[in-house]
Protein backbone atom coordinates (compact mmCIF):
# COMPACT_ATOMS: atom_id res chain seq x y z
CA MET A 1 -31.55 59.38 -17.31
CA LYS A 2 -30.14 62.75 -18.33
CA ALA A 3 -27.16 62.58 -20.65
CA THR A 4 -23.97 64.28 -19.56
CA SER A 5 -21.15 65.44 -21.78
CA PHE A 6 -17.54 64.64 -21.06
CA ILE A 7 -15.62 67.90 -20.58
CA ILE A 8 -11.89 68.00 -19.98
CA PRO A 9 -11.17 70.35 -17.10
CA MET A 10 -9.19 73.38 -18.12
CA ASN A 11 -6.58 72.79 -15.39
CA ILE A 12 -5.38 69.49 -17.01
CA ASN A 13 -2.81 69.56 -19.76
CA ARG A 14 -4.64 68.58 -22.96
CA SER A 15 -1.40 67.42 -24.62
CA LEU A 16 -0.82 64.94 -21.82
CA ILE A 17 -4.33 63.53 -22.19
CA ILE A 18 -3.95 63.12 -25.95
CA GLY A 19 -0.59 61.38 -25.47
CA CYS A 20 -2.10 58.89 -23.04
CA ILE A 21 -4.90 58.11 -25.50
CA ILE A 22 -2.40 57.42 -28.30
CA ILE A 23 -0.34 55.10 -26.05
CA GLY A 24 -3.50 53.26 -25.02
CA ILE A 25 -4.48 52.67 -28.64
CA PHE A 26 -0.98 51.34 -29.38
CA ILE A 27 -1.00 48.91 -26.45
CA SER A 28 -4.48 47.64 -27.34
CA THR A 29 -3.38 47.01 -30.93
CA MET A 30 -0.30 45.06 -29.76
CA LEU A 31 -2.37 42.97 -27.37
CA PHE A 32 -4.83 42.15 -30.15
CA PHE A 33 -2.17 40.86 -32.53
CA THR A 34 -0.29 39.02 -29.75
CA THR A 35 -3.48 37.29 -28.63
CA LYS A 36 -4.32 36.40 -32.22
CA LYS A 37 -0.84 34.93 -32.70
CA TRP A 38 -1.09 32.94 -29.41
CA THR A 39 -4.54 31.66 -30.36
CA SER A 40 -3.21 30.63 -33.75
CA GLU A 41 -0.31 28.75 -32.14
CA ILE A 42 -2.70 26.87 -29.85
CA SER A 43 -4.84 25.97 -32.85
CA GLU A 44 -1.83 24.74 -34.78
CA LYS A 45 -0.89 22.47 -31.84
CA SER A 46 -4.41 20.95 -31.97
CA VAL A 47 -5.16 21.35 -28.27
CA ASN A 48 -8.75 20.18 -28.39
CA PRO A 49 -11.38 20.35 -25.64
CA SER A 50 -10.99 16.64 -24.75
CA GLU A 51 -7.31 17.24 -23.99
CA ILE A 52 -8.16 20.16 -21.72
CA THR A 53 -10.68 17.97 -19.90
CA PHE A 54 -8.31 15.11 -19.22
CA PHE A 55 -5.51 17.55 -18.36
CA HIS A 56 -7.53 19.12 -15.59
CA SER A 57 -8.73 15.72 -14.36
CA LEU A 58 -5.06 14.75 -13.82
CA THR A 59 -5.78 11.30 -15.26
CA TRP A 60 -2.83 11.08 -17.60
CA ILE A 61 -0.48 12.78 -15.18
CA GLY A 62 -1.44 9.96 -12.81
CA TYR A 63 -0.37 7.48 -15.47
CA VAL A 64 2.95 9.28 -15.82
CA GLU A 65 3.40 9.00 -12.05
CA GLU A 66 2.76 5.26 -12.02
CA ILE A 67 5.10 4.50 -14.90
CA SER A 68 7.76 6.70 -13.27
CA ILE A 69 7.38 4.68 -10.06
CA ASN A 70 7.74 1.45 -12.06
CA ASN A 71 10.91 2.72 -13.71
CA PHE A 72 12.30 3.82 -10.33
CA ILE A 73 11.64 0.39 -8.82
CA HIS A 74 13.38 -1.22 -11.79
CA GLU A 75 16.44 1.00 -11.29
CA LEU A 76 16.56 0.17 -7.58
CA SER A 77 16.16 -3.54 -8.33
CA LEU A 78 19.22 -3.47 -10.61
CA LEU A 79 21.25 -1.50 -8.10
CA HIS A 80 20.56 -3.41 -4.87
CA LYS A 81 21.39 -7.11 -4.66
CA PRO A 82 22.11 -9.56 -1.81
CA GLN A 83 25.68 -9.60 -0.53
CA LYS A 84 27.64 -11.08 2.35
CA TYR A 85 27.41 -8.88 5.44
CA ALA A 86 28.69 -8.83 8.98
CA LEU A 87 26.38 -6.81 11.22
CA LEU A 88 28.67 -5.90 14.12
CA ASN A 89 27.84 -5.11 17.74
CA VAL A 90 24.06 -5.05 17.74
CA ASN A 91 21.49 -5.65 20.43
CA ILE A 92 19.02 -8.29 19.28
CA VAL A 93 15.40 -7.87 20.31
CA ASP A 94 14.54 -11.50 21.07
CA LEU A 95 10.76 -11.54 20.71
CA LYS A 96 10.42 -15.26 21.44
CA ASN A 97 11.91 -14.97 24.91
CA GLU A 98 11.08 -11.29 25.46
CA ARG A 99 14.62 -10.16 26.19
CA ILE A 100 17.44 -8.07 24.72
CA ILE A 101 20.64 -9.94 23.75
CA GLU A 102 23.41 -7.34 23.76
CA GLY A 103 26.68 -7.16 21.85
CA GLN A 104 26.01 -9.62 19.03
CA THR A 105 27.40 -10.00 15.52
CA ILE A 106 25.20 -11.43 12.78
CA LEU A 107 26.74 -12.93 9.66
CA ILE A 108 24.55 -12.92 6.56
CA ASP A 109 25.20 -14.94 3.42
CA ASN A 110 22.97 -15.89 0.48
CA GLY A 111 20.14 -13.87 1.97
CA ARG A 112 20.06 -15.86 5.23
CA ILE A 113 21.45 -15.58 8.75
CA LEU A 114 24.60 -17.66 8.77
CA SER A 115 25.56 -17.20 12.42
CA ILE A 116 24.89 -15.15 15.56
CA SER A 117 27.77 -14.77 18.02
CA PRO A 118 29.15 -12.44 20.69
CA VAL A 119 31.26 -9.65 19.19
CA VAL A 120 34.70 -10.35 20.66
CA PRO A 121 35.61 -13.96 19.80
CA LEU A 122 34.16 -13.95 16.30
CA GLN A 123 36.49 -14.08 13.30
CA ILE A 124 34.87 -12.31 10.37
CA PRO A 125 35.63 -13.68 6.88
CA VAL A 126 37.43 -11.16 4.69
CA ASP A 127 34.78 -11.25 1.93
CA PHE A 128 32.01 -10.02 4.26
CA LYS A 129 31.10 -6.35 4.16
CA ILE A 130 30.97 -4.69 7.55
CA ILE A 131 27.85 -2.93 8.83
CA SER A 132 28.66 -1.14 12.09
CA GLY A 133 25.89 -1.75 14.58
CA ASN A 134 27.21 0.65 17.23
CA SER A 135 25.03 -0.97 19.90
CA ARG A 136 21.86 -0.31 17.93
CA TYR A 137 18.81 -2.57 18.12
CA VAL A 138 17.77 -5.22 15.62
CA ILE A 139 14.21 -6.52 15.19
CA PRO A 140 12.77 -8.91 12.58
CA GLY A 141 11.29 -7.33 9.46
CA LEU A 142 7.59 -6.58 9.89
CA ILE A 143 4.75 -8.54 8.25
CA ASP A 144 1.47 -7.00 7.08
CA SER A 145 -0.94 -9.94 7.00
CA HIS A 146 -3.74 -8.21 5.08
CA VAL A 147 -3.00 -5.99 2.08
CA HIS A 148 -4.23 -5.49 -1.48
CA THR A 149 -1.44 -4.96 -3.99
CA ALA A 150 -3.53 -4.34 -7.11
CA GLY A 151 -3.10 -0.58 -6.73
CA SER A 152 -0.02 1.55 -7.24
CA ASN A 153 3.39 -0.09 -7.17
CA ASP A 154 4.49 2.60 -4.73
CA GLN A 155 3.23 0.16 -2.06
CA LYS A 156 6.39 -1.86 -2.49
CA LEU A 157 8.62 1.06 -1.55
CA LEU A 158 6.31 2.61 1.06
CA ASN A 159 6.26 -0.70 2.89
CA LEU A 160 10.05 -0.96 2.86
CA LEU A 161 10.34 2.63 4.11
CA ASN A 162 8.25 1.55 7.10
CA SER A 163 10.12 -1.68 7.87
CA VAL A 164 7.53 -3.96 6.23
CA THR A 165 9.45 -6.78 4.57
CA THR A 166 6.59 -9.26 3.99
CA VAL A 167 2.96 -8.84 2.89
CA ARG A 168 0.02 -11.17 2.30
CA ASP A 169 -2.32 -10.11 -0.50
CA MET A 170 -5.90 -11.05 0.35
CA ALA A 171 -7.50 -10.82 -3.08
CA GLY A 172 -5.12 -12.54 -5.44
CA GLN A 173 -4.73 -12.29 -9.19
CA PRO A 174 -2.64 -14.63 -11.39
CA TRP A 175 -0.29 -11.81 -12.42
CA MET A 176 0.67 -11.34 -8.76
CA LEU A 177 2.29 -14.77 -8.86
CA ILE A 178 4.63 -13.49 -11.58
CA LEU A 179 5.63 -10.61 -9.31
CA LYS A 180 6.11 -13.05 -6.45
CA GLU A 181 8.56 -15.08 -8.51
CA GLN A 182 10.47 -11.95 -9.54
CA ILE A 183 10.73 -10.95 -5.88
CA ASN A 184 11.90 -14.40 -4.81
CA GLN A 185 14.64 -14.26 -7.45
CA ASN A 186 15.69 -10.77 -6.25
CA LYS A 187 14.87 -9.33 -9.65
CA LEU A 188 12.37 -7.01 -8.01
CA LEU A 189 13.08 -4.98 -4.88
CA ALA A 190 9.90 -5.40 -2.87
CA PRO A 191 8.62 -7.08 0.29
CA ASP A 192 8.22 -10.86 0.20
CA LEU A 193 4.80 -11.56 -1.29
CA PHE A 194 2.34 -14.28 -0.34
CA VAL A 195 -0.94 -14.43 -2.23
CA ALA A 196 -4.36 -15.66 -1.19
CA SER A 197 -6.73 -16.74 -3.96
CA LYS A 198 -9.48 -14.74 -5.54
CA MET A 199 -12.33 -14.42 -3.08
CA ILE A 200 -14.84 -17.26 -3.36
CA ASN A 201 -18.33 -15.76 -3.10
CA THR A 202 -21.88 -16.24 -4.39
CA TYR A 203 -21.93 -12.97 -6.32
CA SER A 204 -19.33 -11.05 -8.25
CA LEU A 205 -17.06 -8.34 -6.94
CA GLY A 206 -15.42 -8.01 -10.33
CA GLN A 207 -11.98 -9.40 -11.09
CA TYR A 208 -11.34 -10.14 -7.42
CA THR A 209 -13.92 -12.92 -7.04
CA THR A 210 -14.72 -16.42 -8.18
CA VAL A 211 -18.50 -16.89 -8.16
CA VAL A 212 -19.90 -20.23 -6.99
CA ASN A 213 -23.52 -21.28 -6.57
CA ASN A 214 -23.34 -24.85 -5.29
CA PRO A 215 -20.95 -27.31 -3.60
CA ASN A 216 -19.62 -28.76 -6.87
CA GLU A 217 -18.72 -25.31 -8.21
CA ALA A 218 -17.14 -24.49 -4.84
CA LYS A 219 -14.91 -27.59 -4.92
CA GLN A 220 -13.88 -26.87 -8.50
CA ALA A 221 -13.04 -23.29 -7.61
CA VAL A 222 -10.71 -24.48 -4.86
CA LYS A 223 -9.01 -26.93 -7.24
CA ASP A 224 -8.56 -24.21 -9.85
CA HIS A 225 -7.04 -21.79 -7.35
CA ILE A 226 -4.61 -24.40 -6.09
CA ALA A 227 -3.61 -25.22 -9.66
CA THR A 228 -3.04 -21.51 -10.34
CA GLY A 229 -0.49 -21.41 -7.54
CA TYR A 230 -2.09 -19.36 -4.77
CA ASP A 231 -0.79 -19.80 -1.24
CA TYR A 232 -4.15 -19.77 0.56
CA ILE A 233 -7.85 -20.11 -0.27
CA LYS A 234 -9.85 -16.95 0.48
CA ILE A 235 -13.59 -16.76 1.14
CA TRP A 236 -15.83 -13.70 1.45
CA ASN A 237 -19.11 -12.75 3.13
CA ASN A 238 -21.72 -14.56 1.06
CA LEU A 239 -21.64 -18.35 1.15
CA ASN A 240 -24.35 -20.59 2.57
CA ALA A 241 -23.45 -23.37 5.00
CA GLU A 242 -23.49 -26.10 2.35
CA VAL A 243 -21.17 -24.24 -0.01
CA PHE A 244 -18.90 -23.25 2.89
CA ASP A 245 -18.58 -26.91 3.88
CA ALA A 246 -17.57 -27.82 0.33
CA VAL A 247 -14.91 -25.10 0.19
CA ALA A 248 -13.55 -26.05 3.61
CA PHE A 249 -13.45 -29.76 2.76
CA GLU A 250 -11.69 -29.33 -0.58
CA THR A 251 -9.20 -26.89 0.93
CA LYS A 252 -8.32 -29.21 3.81
CA ILE A 253 -7.90 -32.42 1.80
CA ASN A 254 -5.49 -30.61 -0.51
CA GLY A 255 -3.38 -29.44 2.43
CA TYR A 256 -4.19 -25.74 2.10
CA ASP A 257 -5.41 -23.17 4.60
CA LEU A 258 -8.75 -21.38 4.44
CA VAL A 259 -8.61 -17.65 5.23
CA GLY A 260 -10.88 -14.62 5.00
CA HIS A 261 -14.33 -13.64 6.23
CA ILE A 262 -16.68 -15.89 8.14
CA PRO A 263 -19.75 -15.75 5.85
CA SER A 264 -22.88 -14.10 7.19
CA ASP A 265 -24.95 -17.29 6.85
CA VAL A 266 -22.43 -19.52 8.61
CA ALA A 267 -22.24 -19.84 12.40
CA ILE A 268 -18.99 -19.08 14.19
CA GLU A 269 -19.14 -22.55 15.74
CA LYS A 270 -19.09 -24.16 12.29
CA ALA A 271 -16.60 -21.83 10.61
CA LEU A 272 -13.92 -21.24 13.22
CA PRO A 273 -12.39 -24.75 13.27
CA GLU A 274 -12.01 -24.64 9.48
CA MET A 275 -10.27 -21.27 9.17
CA ARG A 276 -6.60 -20.46 9.61
CA THR A 277 -7.16 -16.70 9.84
CA VAL A 278 -10.34 -14.71 10.40
CA GLU A 279 -10.30 -11.17 9.03
CA HIS A 280 -11.99 -8.08 10.57
CA PHE A 281 -13.83 -10.18 13.20
CA LYS A 282 -16.42 -10.94 10.52
CA GLN A 283 -19.49 -12.65 11.97
CA PHE A 284 -18.21 -11.81 15.45
CA ILE A 285 -19.46 -8.41 14.28
CA SER A 286 -22.56 -8.28 12.07
CA ASN A 287 -21.99 -7.05 8.52
CA GLY A 288 -25.35 -5.34 8.43
CA THR A 289 -25.45 -3.57 11.77
CA GLY A 290 -21.90 -3.45 13.11
CA ASP A 291 -23.17 -4.99 16.35
CA ILE A 292 -21.47 -7.82 18.20
CA THR A 293 -22.93 -11.24 17.48
CA ASN A 294 -25.25 -13.10 19.85
CA GLU A 295 -23.05 -16.21 19.60
CA ASP A 296 -20.79 -17.00 22.55
CA TYR A 297 -17.62 -16.14 20.64
CA VAL A 298 -15.50 -16.13 23.81
CA THR A 299 -16.20 -19.78 24.60
CA LEU A 300 -16.02 -20.80 20.94
CA SER A 301 -12.60 -19.15 20.57
CA LYS A 302 -10.96 -20.81 23.57
CA ASN A 303 -9.66 -23.78 21.62
CA TYR A 304 -9.19 -21.96 18.31
CA ASN A 305 -5.84 -22.87 16.75
CA GLY A 306 -5.93 -20.16 14.10
CA TYR A 307 -5.41 -16.40 14.20
CA PHE A 308 -7.48 -13.23 14.26
CA CYS A 309 -6.57 -10.29 12.01
CA PRO A 310 -8.70 -7.38 13.34
CA THR A 311 -7.41 -4.65 10.95
CA PHE A 312 -8.03 -2.01 13.63
CA THR A 313 -6.44 0.65 11.47
CA THR A 314 -9.39 0.67 9.08
CA ARG A 315 -10.84 3.07 11.66
CA ARG A 316 -8.97 5.69 9.62
CA ILE A 317 -11.82 5.54 7.10
CA ALA A 318 -13.98 7.32 9.66
CA TRP A 319 -11.63 10.28 10.09
CA ARG A 320 -13.37 13.62 9.66
CA ASP A 321 -12.70 17.29 10.46
CA GLU A 322 -9.62 17.68 12.69
CA LYS A 323 -8.34 14.14 12.14
CA ALA A 324 -8.74 14.40 8.38
CA LEU A 325 -7.06 17.82 8.36
CA ALA A 326 -4.17 16.47 10.44
CA PHE A 327 -3.66 13.72 7.86
CA PHE A 328 -3.68 16.11 4.89
CA GLU A 329 -1.14 18.34 6.64
CA GLY A 330 0.93 15.42 7.92
CA PRO A 331 3.91 13.48 6.51
CA GLU A 332 1.94 10.55 5.03
CA ALA A 333 0.03 12.78 2.60
CA SER A 334 3.23 13.71 0.76
CA PHE A 335 3.44 10.11 -0.49
CA VAL A 336 -0.12 10.06 -1.86
CA SER A 337 -1.02 11.00 -5.44
CA ARG A 338 -2.81 14.29 -6.06
CA ASN A 339 -5.72 12.40 -7.60
CA THR A 340 -6.17 10.32 -4.47
CA LEU A 341 -5.79 13.27 -2.10
CA LEU A 342 -8.45 15.24 -3.96
CA LYS A 343 -10.77 12.23 -3.80
CA TRP A 344 -10.18 11.73 -0.07
CA LYS A 345 -10.69 15.42 0.67
CA ALA A 346 -14.00 15.40 -1.16
CA GLU A 347 -15.22 12.19 0.47
CA SER A 348 -14.15 13.13 3.99
CA ALA A 349 -16.09 16.41 3.67
CA ASP A 350 -19.16 14.84 2.05
CA LYS A 351 -22.06 14.34 4.46
CA ALA A 352 -23.21 11.41 2.34
CA TYR A 353 -20.31 9.41 3.79
CA ASP A 354 -21.19 10.16 7.42
CA LYS A 355 -23.23 6.97 7.86
CA SER A 356 -20.31 4.93 6.57
CA ALA A 357 -18.01 6.72 9.01
CA GLU A 358 -20.40 5.99 11.86
CA MET A 359 -20.40 2.30 10.92
CA PHE A 360 -16.58 2.11 10.87
CA ASN A 361 -16.40 3.86 14.25
CA LYS A 362 -18.90 1.37 15.61
CA VAL A 363 -16.99 -1.59 14.18
CA PHE A 364 -13.75 -0.26 15.65
CA LYS A 365 -15.31 0.17 19.09
CA ASN A 366 -16.74 -3.36 19.01
CA SER A 367 -13.46 -4.78 17.68
CA CYS A 368 -11.73 -3.33 20.72
CA ILE A 369 -14.28 -5.00 23.00
CA ILE A 370 -13.77 -8.37 21.30
CA PHE A 371 -10.00 -8.00 21.52
CA GLU A 372 -10.23 -7.28 25.24
CA ASN A 373 -12.27 -10.45 25.72
CA LEU A 374 -9.88 -12.60 23.68
CA ARG A 375 -6.50 -10.93 24.21
CA ASN A 376 -5.08 -13.65 26.47
CA SER A 377 -5.25 -16.15 23.60
CA ASN A 378 -2.17 -14.53 22.00
CA ASN A 379 -3.33 -15.45 18.50
CA PHE A 380 -3.62 -12.00 16.97
CA ILE A 381 -1.85 -10.81 13.84
CA ALA A 382 -1.38 -7.33 12.40
CA GLY A 383 -3.00 -6.49 9.08
CA THR A 384 -4.22 -3.25 7.59
CA ASP A 385 -6.34 -3.69 4.44
CA SER A 386 -4.07 -1.07 2.85
CA GLY A 387 -4.24 -0.84 -0.92
CA GLY A 388 -7.94 -1.70 -0.84
CA GLY A 389 -9.03 1.79 -1.86
CA TYR A 390 -10.00 3.01 1.60
CA MET A 391 -9.39 6.61 2.68
CA PHE A 392 -6.20 7.46 4.61
CA MET A 393 -4.83 3.92 4.37
CA VAL A 394 -1.22 4.56 3.31
CA PRO A 395 0.81 1.33 2.97
CA GLY A 396 3.54 0.84 5.55
CA PHE A 397 2.42 3.72 7.76
CA SER A 398 -0.83 1.84 8.38
CA LEU A 399 0.98 -1.19 9.79
CA LEU A 400 2.92 0.92 12.27
CA ASP A 401 -0.44 2.38 13.29
CA GLU A 402 -1.88 -1.13 13.72
CA ILE A 403 0.98 -2.17 16.00
CA MET A 404 0.50 0.97 18.10
CA ILE A 405 -3.21 0.23 18.46
CA PHE A 406 -2.45 -3.25 19.80
CA HIS A 407 -0.15 -1.56 22.32
CA LYS A 408 -2.74 1.06 23.32
CA LEU A 409 -5.29 -1.71 23.84
CA GLY A 410 -3.11 -3.42 26.40
CA TYR A 411 -0.42 -5.48 24.70
CA ASN A 412 3.09 -4.80 25.98
CA GLU A 413 5.77 -3.85 23.47
CA TYR A 414 6.91 -7.43 22.89
CA GLU A 415 3.36 -8.65 22.38
CA ALA A 416 2.52 -5.81 20.00
CA LEU A 417 5.62 -6.53 17.89
CA LYS A 418 4.81 -10.25 17.80
CA THR A 419 1.55 -9.52 15.95
CA ALA A 420 3.63 -8.32 12.98
CA THR A 421 6.46 -10.85 13.28
CA ILE A 422 6.31 -14.22 15.07
CA ASN A 423 2.52 -14.55 15.18
CA ALA A 424 2.07 -13.43 11.57
CA ALA A 425 4.73 -15.88 10.36
CA LYS A 426 3.06 -18.73 12.23
CA ALA A 427 -0.37 -17.79 10.91
CA MET A 428 0.95 -17.86 7.35
CA ARG A 429 2.96 -21.03 8.05
CA ILE A 430 6.21 -19.37 7.06
CA ASP A 431 7.79 -19.29 10.53
CA SER A 432 10.53 -21.65 9.32
CA ILE A 433 11.64 -18.86 6.98
CA ILE A 434 10.94 -15.53 8.73
CA GLY A 435 9.40 -14.03 11.86
CA ASP A 436 12.31 -13.96 14.31
CA ILE A 437 16.08 -13.55 14.38
CA SER A 438 17.73 -16.96 14.39
CA VAL A 439 20.29 -18.91 12.39
CA GLY A 440 18.98 -20.19 9.07
CA LYS A 441 16.16 -17.65 8.84
CA GLN A 442 15.92 -15.20 5.97
CA ALA A 443 17.83 -11.99 6.64
CA ASN A 444 14.85 -9.63 6.94
CA LEU A 445 16.13 -7.29 9.64
CA ILE A 446 15.48 -3.73 10.85
CA LEU A 447 18.25 -1.76 12.54
CA LEU A 448 16.97 0.94 14.93
CA ASN A 449 18.94 3.61 16.80
CA ASN A 450 17.08 3.10 20.09
CA ASN A 451 15.31 0.32 21.95
CA PRO A 452 11.76 -0.16 20.59
CA ILE A 453 10.81 -2.06 23.75
CA GLU A 454 11.25 1.18 25.67
CA ASN A 455 9.33 3.16 23.06
CA LEU A 456 7.46 1.61 20.11
CA ALA A 457 7.52 4.99 18.38
CA GLU A 458 11.11 4.10 17.46
CA LEU A 459 9.60 2.07 14.60
CA SER A 460 8.91 5.37 12.84
CA SER A 461 12.42 6.75 13.36
CA THR A 462 15.51 6.66 11.15
CA LYS A 463 16.47 3.10 10.40
CA GLU A 464 18.43 0.72 8.20
CA LEU A 465 17.03 -2.39 6.60
CA LEU A 466 17.99 -5.79 5.28
CA ILE A 467 15.58 -7.76 3.11
CA ARG A 468 16.62 -11.15 1.75
CA GLY A 469 20.19 -10.02 2.43
CA ILE A 470 19.78 -6.78 0.45
CA TYR A 471 21.07 -3.86 2.51
CA LEU A 472 19.42 -0.43 2.42
CA ASP A 473 21.08 2.08 4.71
CA SER A 474 19.44 5.25 6.03
CA ILE A 475 20.68 7.29 3.06
CA ASN A 476 19.24 4.77 0.58
CA LEU A 477 15.90 4.88 2.36
CA GLU A 478 15.91 8.66 2.56
CA ASN A 479 16.62 8.93 -1.18
CA ILE A 480 13.76 6.54 -1.94
CA ALA A 481 11.44 8.72 0.14
CA ILE A 482 12.63 11.88 -1.61
CA LYS A 483 12.12 10.38 -5.07
CA LEU A 484 8.61 9.14 -4.27
CA LYS A 485 7.64 12.57 -3.01
CA GLU A 486 9.05 14.16 -6.17
CA ILE A 487 6.99 11.84 -8.35
CA ARG A 488 3.85 12.63 -6.37
CA ARG A 489 4.47 16.34 -7.02
CA TYR A 490 4.23 15.86 -10.81
CA PRO A 491 0.88 17.70 -11.02
CA GLU A 492 2.68 20.78 -9.66
CA TYR A 493 5.43 20.28 -12.22
CA PHE A 494 3.01 19.90 -15.11
CA LYS A 495 0.63 22.74 -14.26
CA HIS A 496 2.50 25.15 -16.55
CA TYR A 497 2.55 22.65 -19.43
CA ARG A 498 0.06 22.21 -22.22
CA PRO A 499 -1.79 18.89 -22.36
CA GLN A 500 0.14 17.78 -25.45
CA GLU A 501 3.35 17.89 -23.41
CA VAL A 502 1.80 15.68 -20.74
CA ILE A 503 0.95 13.11 -23.43
CA THR A 504 4.49 13.29 -24.79
CA THR A 505 5.92 12.75 -21.31
CA PHE A 506 3.60 9.80 -20.80
CA LEU A 507 4.76 8.22 -24.07
CA ASP A 508 8.41 8.88 -23.25
CA SER A 509 7.96 7.22 -19.86
CA LEU A 510 6.23 4.25 -21.46
CA HIS A 511 9.03 3.87 -24.00
CA ALA A 512 11.56 3.89 -21.16
CA HIS A 513 9.67 1.30 -19.15
CA LYS A 514 11.95 -1.68 -18.67
CA ARG A 515 9.74 -4.35 -17.18
CA GLN A 516 6.32 -5.08 -18.64
CA TYR A 517 5.39 -7.31 -15.67
CA LEU A 518 5.22 -4.13 -13.55
CA LEU A 519 2.44 -2.81 -15.79
CA LYS A 520 -0.47 -4.41 -13.99
CA PRO A 521 -3.44 -5.58 -16.09
CA ASN A 522 -5.85 -3.29 -14.26
CA PHE A 523 -3.53 -0.32 -14.92
CA LYS A 524 -3.33 -1.22 -18.61
CA ALA A 525 -7.13 -1.45 -18.71
CA LYS A 526 -7.46 2.06 -17.26
CA ILE A 527 -5.14 3.44 -19.92
CA LEU A 528 -7.15 1.79 -22.68
CA GLU A 529 -10.42 3.07 -21.22
CA ASN A 530 -9.14 6.63 -21.52
CA LEU A 531 -7.62 6.36 -24.99
CA ASN A 532 -10.31 8.57 -26.53
CA SER A 533 -9.14 11.50 -24.43
CA ILE A 534 -5.85 11.78 -26.33
CA PRO A 535 -5.26 12.64 -30.00
CA SER A 536 -5.93 9.76 -32.37
CA GLU A 537 -2.38 9.81 -33.75
CA HIS A 538 -1.08 8.66 -30.35
CA GLN A 539 -3.63 5.97 -29.64
CA LYS A 540 -2.05 3.24 -31.78
CA GLU A 541 1.35 3.94 -30.23
CA VAL A 542 -0.05 3.55 -26.70
CA ILE A 543 -1.73 0.25 -27.61
CA GLU A 544 1.52 -1.11 -29.03
CA LEU A 545 3.53 -0.03 -25.98
CA ILE A 546 1.33 -1.75 -23.42
CA LYS A 547 0.93 -5.01 -25.27
CA GLU A 548 2.00 -8.14 -23.39
C-alpha cells in the first residue's frame, strides 16, 4: 500500500490546529491521572473479583431484601394488635345458606365474633372502636389449602394483601411450628398457619422428606411426626401398598388425618378411604404420562368423605410467549424479586422446558375433565402450591386465580368461594374456628366495596381486612404493598453502588434484625454457602449474627 503524507491544507488556520492539539494533549493527561487515581481508590477498597461476581449475580442483594422484609414484618407485628371493634352496617355474604344478610353490625372482641345483630336496635359498648361498613360486603377470610412457606417471608404479607387469612403448609419443618405459635399469640402478623408433616416417601427429596423403607419405619415416622407437633401426616408419590397401609393405620389410630398424594403403586380404591385430602388428583392422573387413570374414579369417589385439592393454578407453570409476557408486564411481577424474575424469564424462554410445559397443560386439561365428572360432590378445596418454587406462582394472587378457575369451570359464585372458606375449613377440621361468619368464630373477615356474588373479580379490588381481630384498613394494606414493591426494587437502588456497600448494607440489616425466628434455617444455610464470596474480615461477623 502506498504511503501518503499528511498535509495541512493551506486554507485552514495553522494556529487553530496547533491550539486544538495542545488542548487534546492536556485533556488526555488529565484523564490518565484521574483514571490512575480512581483505579488506586478501587484497589485501596479491596474490591476483588469475587465481590464483582456476587454483586452481578444479585445474591447478596437478595439477602438484603429478605432481611428487610423480615424487619418490616416485625415492625407491622408490633404496630397492629387485636382490639375491640364494631363493624357497622355491613351486608354479610352468608355462604352456608347462599344469601346476603343486609344491614348487620358485627361486634368483635378478643379476636372473635362476639355478636351479629341488625344495625338499629344494637347498643354498642363505648370501648369498641367503630368501623363504618357503609353497606359494604363482608366475606370470611380466604384459606389456601396447599402452600409451601419455606421460601421468602413476603408470602405472609402477599397473602394478607389478597385476603388470604389462613394457609396449610404441605411440606412441614419443625421451625414452622415456632412460627405457628408466634402467629397464634399475635406476635407475628401473618395468616393462620397449619402444618402438615414432612413428606413420607421411599426416597429423599432433601429436608422436606422422611424416608421409609418398610412398615415398621413407616409407623415410627408417623409417631415421630405426631410427637413433633404437626397437624396432619403427609405422604408423597412413592410408597408401596404395604408401607402405605402402615402409614394409614398408624395415622388413624392416633386420631390424625392423612393428606397428600395417592402413591403411584397404590390403587385409588385402597387409598381414597384413608385420605382426608387428595392433592393434584394424583393417581387419578398418572405421574408418568399425565393421562387419566384406567380406574373407575367416578364410582370410587361417590362415597368419598374427604376432599380434593386440584391446584388448577399450577397451569401457570406452562405459560409461554404472550402469557409469560403479560405476567412480566403485569401487577404481580412488581412483588417478585429480581433474582426470581430473571430466572423465570430465562426458563419460560428456554426450549428445554417445553416438554414440562406440555405436561402441565395436559395435567390441567385432564384435571378439568375430572372436576367436571366429580363436581356435584361438592368436596373441592382451593389450594395453589405457591411457594413451591414454580414459575409465576405468586402467593395470594394464585389463590384468587384458583377461585376464578373453579368459577369458570362451572361453580357459581357461592360454590367457588366455599372452596376457599367453608369447604377448606371442614377439610382441615378447623370449621369450629373459621370458615364462615358466625358468633364465636375467629374474626377473619374481608370487607369489600361491592357484592362479590355479582362479580368475583371484586376479590381483587380495594378492601379492608380483619385477621384474629387485627384490623388493616385500605391505607394500611396499600402501604404494605408499596413497601414490598420498594424492597423488591433494591437491585435498581444498588446498581450505582460498589459491592462493598452492598455487604455493609447486608450487615446493617442483619444487625437491625429483631426476631431470629424469622431467619429460616434454609435461608441461613444459603448465606453460609456463599460466605466465600465476601471479604474474609466480614465472614466471622456474619456467622455470629445468624447464630441461633
